[in-house]
C-alpha atoms as a PDB file:
ATOM      1  CA  MET A   1      33.888   4.087 -15.210  1.00  0.00           C
ATOM      2  CA  ALA A   2      33.837   1.289 -12.668  1.00  0.00           C
ATOM      3  CA  SER A   3      32.410   3.593 -10.003  1.00  0.00           C
ATOM      4  CA  ASP A   4      29.369   4.332 -12.223  1.00  0.00           C
ATOM      5  CA  LYS A   5      28.120   0.770 -11.882  1.00  0.00           C
ATOM      6  CA  ARG A   6      25.693   0.028  -9.124  1.00  0.00           C
ATOM      7  CA  GLU A   7      26.306  -2.962  -6.924  1.00  0.00           C
ATOM      8  CA  ARG A   8      24.319  -6.071  -7.780  1.00  0.00           C
ATOM      9  CA  GLN A   9      21.834  -7.221  -5.153  1.00  0.00           C
ATOM     10  CA  PRO A  10      22.066 -10.824  -3.937  1.00  0.00           C
ATOM     11  CA  ASN A  11      19.597 -13.356  -5.312  1.00  0.00           C
ATOM     12  CA  TRP A  12      16.385 -14.035  -3.436  1.00  0.00           C
ATOM     13  CA  ALA A  13      16.580 -17.172  -1.321  1.00  0.00           C
ATOM     14  CA  PRO A  14      13.608 -19.558  -1.682  1.00  0.00           C
ATOM     15  CA  ARG A  15      12.755 -19.057   2.009  1.00  0.00           C
ATOM     16  CA  GLU A  16      12.828 -15.285   1.519  1.00  0.00           C
ATOM     17  CA  GLU A  17      10.536 -15.551  -1.535  1.00  0.00           C
ATOM     18  CA  ILE A  18       8.018 -17.664   0.390  1.00  0.00           C
ATOM     19  CA  LEU A  19       8.027 -15.226   3.312  1.00  0.00           C
ATOM     20  CA  PHE A  20       7.549 -12.349   0.876  1.00  0.00           C
ATOM     21  CA  VAL A  21       4.662 -13.987  -1.013  1.00  0.00           C
ATOM     22  CA  THR A  22       2.978 -14.958   2.266  1.00  0.00           C
ATOM     23  CA  ALA A  23       3.226 -11.377   3.545  1.00  0.00           C
ATOM     24  CA  TYR A  24       2.005 -10.081   0.173  1.00  0.00           C
ATOM     25  CA  ILE A  25      -1.025 -12.409   0.158  1.00  0.00           C
ATOM     26  CA  GLU A  26      -2.041 -11.154   3.619  1.00  0.00           C
ATOM     27  CA  ARG A  27      -2.123  -7.603   2.212  1.00  0.00           C
ATOM     28  CA  ALA A  28      -3.181  -8.298  -1.384  1.00  0.00           C
ATOM     29  CA  ASP A  29      -6.638  -6.778  -0.991  1.00  0.00           C
ATOM     30  CA  ILE A  30      -5.051  -3.495   0.049  1.00  0.00           C
ATOM     31  CA  ILE A  31      -2.050  -3.541  -2.302  1.00  0.00           C
ATOM     32  CA  ASP A  32      -4.053  -4.591  -5.369  1.00  0.00           C
ATOM     33  CA  GLY A  33      -7.244  -2.765  -4.395  1.00  0.00           C
ATOM     34  CA  GLU A  34      -8.673   0.128  -6.339  1.00  0.00           C
ATOM     35  CA  PHE A  35      -7.739   3.648  -5.341  1.00  0.00           C
ATOM     36  CA  SER A  36     -10.433   5.796  -3.837  1.00  0.00           C
ATOM     37  CA  GLY A  37     -11.494   8.609  -6.099  1.00  0.00           C
ATOM     38  CA  CYS A  38     -13.367  11.774  -5.482  1.00  0.00           C
ATOM     39  CA  GLY A  39     -17.118  11.968  -5.699  1.00  0.00           C
ATOM     40  CA  VAL A  40     -19.779   9.316  -5.298  1.00  0.00           C
ATOM     41  CA  GLY A  41     -18.594   6.004  -3.883  1.00  0.00           C
ATOM     42  CA  SER A  42     -15.098   7.230  -3.069  1.00  0.00           C
ATOM     43  CA  SER A  43     -15.250   5.672   0.387  1.00  0.00           C
ATOM     44  CA  ARG A  44     -15.113   2.184  -1.165  1.00  0.00           C
ATOM     45  CA  GLY A  45     -11.581   2.586  -2.497  1.00  0.00           C
ATOM     46  CA  ILE A  46      -8.194   2.546  -0.831  1.00  0.00           C
ATOM     47  CA  SER A  47      -6.019   5.610  -0.348  1.00  0.00           C
ATOM     48  CA  HIS A  48      -2.448   5.906  -1.558  1.00  0.00           C
ATOM     49  CA  ALA A  49      -1.305   6.258   2.057  1.00  0.00           C
ATOM     50  CA  THR A  50      -3.005   2.978   3.001  1.00  0.00           C
ATOM     51  CA  LYS A  51      -1.256   1.168   0.163  1.00  0.00           C
ATOM     52  CA  GLU A  52       2.097   2.656   1.171  1.00  0.00           C
ATOM     53  CA  GLU A  53       1.512   1.522   4.767  1.00  0.00           C
ATOM     54  CA  ALA A  54       0.830  -2.009   3.513  1.00  0.00           C
ATOM     55  CA  TRP A  55       4.061  -2.010   1.465  1.00  0.00           C
ATOM     56  CA  ASP A  56       5.985  -0.629   4.477  1.00  0.00           C
ATOM     57  CA  ALA A  57       4.610  -3.381   6.725  1.00  0.00           C
ATOM     58  CA  LEU A  58       5.527  -5.988   4.119  1.00  0.00           C
ATOM     59  CA  ARG A  59       9.047  -4.548   3.832  1.00  0.00           C
ATOM     60  CA  GLU A  60       9.487  -4.600   7.612  1.00  0.00           C
ATOM     61  CA  ILE A  61       8.404  -8.245   7.872  1.00  0.00           C
ATOM     62  CA  VAL A  62      10.648  -9.510   5.092  1.00  0.00           C
ATOM     63  CA  ASN A  63      13.685  -7.361   5.931  1.00  0.00           C
ATOM     64  CA  SER A  64      13.518  -8.297   9.620  1.00  0.00           C
ATOM     65  CA  ASN A  65      13.764 -11.980   8.668  1.00  0.00           C
ATOM     66  CA  SER A  66      16.391 -11.664   5.962  1.00  0.00           C
ATOM     67  CA  ALA A  67      20.059 -10.790   5.745  1.00  0.00           C
ATOM     68  CA  ASN A  68      19.402  -8.704   2.613  1.00  0.00           C
ATOM     69  CA  LEU A  69      17.664  -5.381   3.095  1.00  0.00           C
ATOM     70  CA  ARG A  70      15.433  -4.643   0.137  1.00  0.00           C
ATOM     71  CA  THR A  71      13.485  -1.561  -0.924  1.00  0.00           C
ATOM     72  CA  ILE A  72       9.797  -1.252  -1.677  1.00  0.00           C
ATOM     73  CA  GLU A  73      10.648  -0.839  -5.372  1.00  0.00           C
ATOM     74  CA  GLN A  74      12.485  -4.175  -5.276  1.00  0.00           C
ATOM     75  CA  PHE A  75       9.442  -5.792  -3.654  1.00  0.00           C
ATOM     76  CA  LYS A  76       7.128  -4.364  -6.309  1.00  0.00           C
ATOM     77  CA  LYS A  77       9.420  -5.638  -9.056  1.00  0.00           C
ATOM     78  CA  LYS A  78       9.687  -9.082  -7.436  1.00  0.00           C
ATOM     79  CA  ILE A  79       5.934  -9.585  -7.009  1.00  0.00           C
ATOM     80  CA  ALA A  80       5.370  -8.557 -10.631  1.00  0.00           C
ATOM     81  CA  GLN A  81       7.994 -11.117 -11.664  1.00  0.00           C
ATOM     82  CA  ILE A  82       6.488 -13.881  -9.496  1.00  0.00           C
ATOM     83  CA  LYS A  83       2.984 -13.172 -10.826  1.00  0.00           C
ATOM     84  CA  CYS A  84       4.156 -13.204 -14.435  1.00  0.00           C
ATOM     85  CA  LEU A  85       6.287 -16.346 -14.162  1.00  0.00           C
ATOM     86  CA  ALA A  86       3.718 -18.273 -12.127  1.00  0.00           C
ATOM     87  CA  LEU A  87       0.926 -17.597 -14.596  1.00  0.00           C
ATOM     88  CA  ARG A  88       3.134 -18.239 -17.633  1.00  0.00           C
ATOM     89  CA  LYS A  89       4.512 -21.528 -16.294  1.00  0.00           C
ATOM     90  CA  ASN A  90       1.073 -22.672 -15.189  1.00  0.00           C
ATOM     91  CA  ARG A  91      -0.435 -21.863 -18.586  1.00  0.00           C
ATOM     92  CA  LYS A  92       2.377 -23.563 -20.515  1.00  0.00           C
ATOM     93  CA  ASN A  93       2.237 -26.671 -18.311  1.00  0.00           C
ATOM     94  CA  HIS A  94      -1.462 -27.018 -19.127  1.00  0.00           C
ATOM     95  CA  THR A  95      -1.036 -26.595 -22.876  1.00  0.00           C
ATOM     96  CA  GLU A  96       1.772 -29.113 -23.292  1.00  0.00           C
ATOM     97  CA  THR A  97       1.012 -32.441 -24.962  1.00  0.00           C
ATOM     98  CA  GLY A  98       3.040 -34.427 -22.483  1.00  0.00           C
ATOM     99  CA  GLY A  99       6.356 -34.568 -24.285  1.00  0.00           C
ATOM    100  CA  GLY A 100       9.497 -33.268 -22.649  1.00  0.00           C
ATOM    101  CA  LYS A 101       9.963 -31.639 -19.302  1.00  0.00           C
ATOM    102  CA  GLY A 102       7.369 -29.351 -17.851  1.00  0.00           C
ATOM    103  CA  PHE A 103       8.216 -25.997 -16.382  1.00  0.00           C
ATOM    104  CA  ILE A 104       9.321 -26.126 -12.764  1.00  0.00           C
ATOM    105  CA  ILE A 105       7.127 -23.953 -10.583  1.00  0.00           C
ATOM    106  CA  THR A 106       8.897 -22.672  -7.480  1.00  0.00           C
ATOM    107  CA  ASP A 107       7.297 -22.888  -4.041  1.00  0.00           C
ATOM    108  CA  ALA A 108       6.677 -19.128  -4.028  1.00  0.00           C
ATOM    109  CA  GLU A 109       5.014 -19.291  -7.451  1.00  0.00           C
ATOM    110  CA  GLN A 110       2.857 -22.229  -6.341  1.00  0.00           C
ATOM    111  CA  LEU A 111       1.857 -20.312  -3.221  1.00  0.00           C
ATOM    112  CA  TYR A 112       0.729 -17.417  -5.425  1.00  0.00           C
ATOM    113  CA  LEU A 113      -1.160 -19.763  -7.794  1.00  0.00           C
ATOM    114  CA  ASP A 114      -2.941 -21.360  -4.821  1.00  0.00           C
ATOM    115  CA  PHE A 115      -3.871 -17.889  -3.590  1.00  0.00           C
ATOM    116  CA  LEU A 116      -5.336 -17.018  -6.990  1.00  0.00           C
ATOM    117  CA  LYS A 117      -7.225 -20.287  -7.128  1.00  0.00           C
ATOM    118  CA  ASN A 118      -8.805 -19.667  -3.714  1.00  0.00           C
ATOM    119  CA  ARG A 119      -9.414 -15.981  -4.414  1.00  0.00           C
ATOM    120  CA  ASN A 120     -11.141 -16.582  -7.734  1.00  0.00           C
ATOM    121  CA  SER A 121     -13.232 -19.574  -6.752  1.00  0.00           C
ATOM    122  CA  THR A 122     -16.791 -18.477  -6.408  1.00  0.00           C
ATOM    123  CA  THR A 123     -19.262 -20.909  -5.042  1.00  0.00           C
ATOM    124  CA  LEU A 124     -22.962 -20.463  -4.968  1.00  0.00           C
ATOM    125  CA  SER A 125     -25.095 -22.407  -2.592  1.00  0.00           C
ATOM    126  CA  GLY A 126     -28.740 -22.299  -1.808  1.00  0.00           C
ATOM    127  CA  ILE A 127     -30.458 -21.805   1.477  1.00  0.00           C
ATOM    128  CA  ASN A 128     -30.705 -25.075   3.382  1.00  0.00           C
ATOM    129  CA  THR A 129     -34.092 -24.256   4.851  1.00  0.00           C
ATOM    130  CA  GLY A 130     -35.452 -22.647   1.704  1.00  0.00           C
ATOM    131  CA  THR A 131     -38.579 -23.731  -0.128  1.00  0.00           C
ATOM    132  CA  ASP A 132     -38.818 -24.275  -3.874  1.00  0.00           C
ATOM    133  CA  ILE A 133     -41.626 -22.408  -5.528  1.00  0.00           C
ATOM    134  CA  GLY A 134     -43.486 -23.304  -8.671  1.00  0.00           C
ATOM    135  CA  PHE A 135     -41.191 -26.025  -9.978  1.00  0.00           C
ATOM    136  CA  SER A 136     -41.649 -29.695  -9.357  1.00  0.00           C
ATOM    137  CA  THR A 137     -39.024 -32.295 -10.187  1.00  0.00           C
ATOM    138  CA  GLU A 138     -41.310 -35.218  -9.388  1.00  0.00           C
ATOM    139  CA  SER A 139     -43.469 -36.925 -11.987  1.00  0.00           C
ATOM    140  CA  GLU A 140     -47.107 -36.429 -11.198  1.00  0.00           C
END
């Protein structure tokens, strides 16, 4: 019976998590991008092979800087966990009334939250040399 158990992997070190999230963020557009389909507009998507290459590159970077060799499946599970925990902790910290301890957000989770904040911030600005047409803000 004892031989049926699989060996437990070591915990992720904080430094290893930060390296992983940093490498993930650099490839997030590819990893999280939409697959290319067949037909009209299929050139805009990303192929399965391209995504696998991005995961392989991520695995190489993290495993070359870590004592623990991890698989792509472990990386996929870890990023899903970091995303979930970061968003949950962030949401719960904002809904608290101020009593008690807040949830502690790890450095890797904060790195991911900062990435989301920068990724989702859309700013619109006008043309500096543009000319307004038809509307006057001055009193005549």
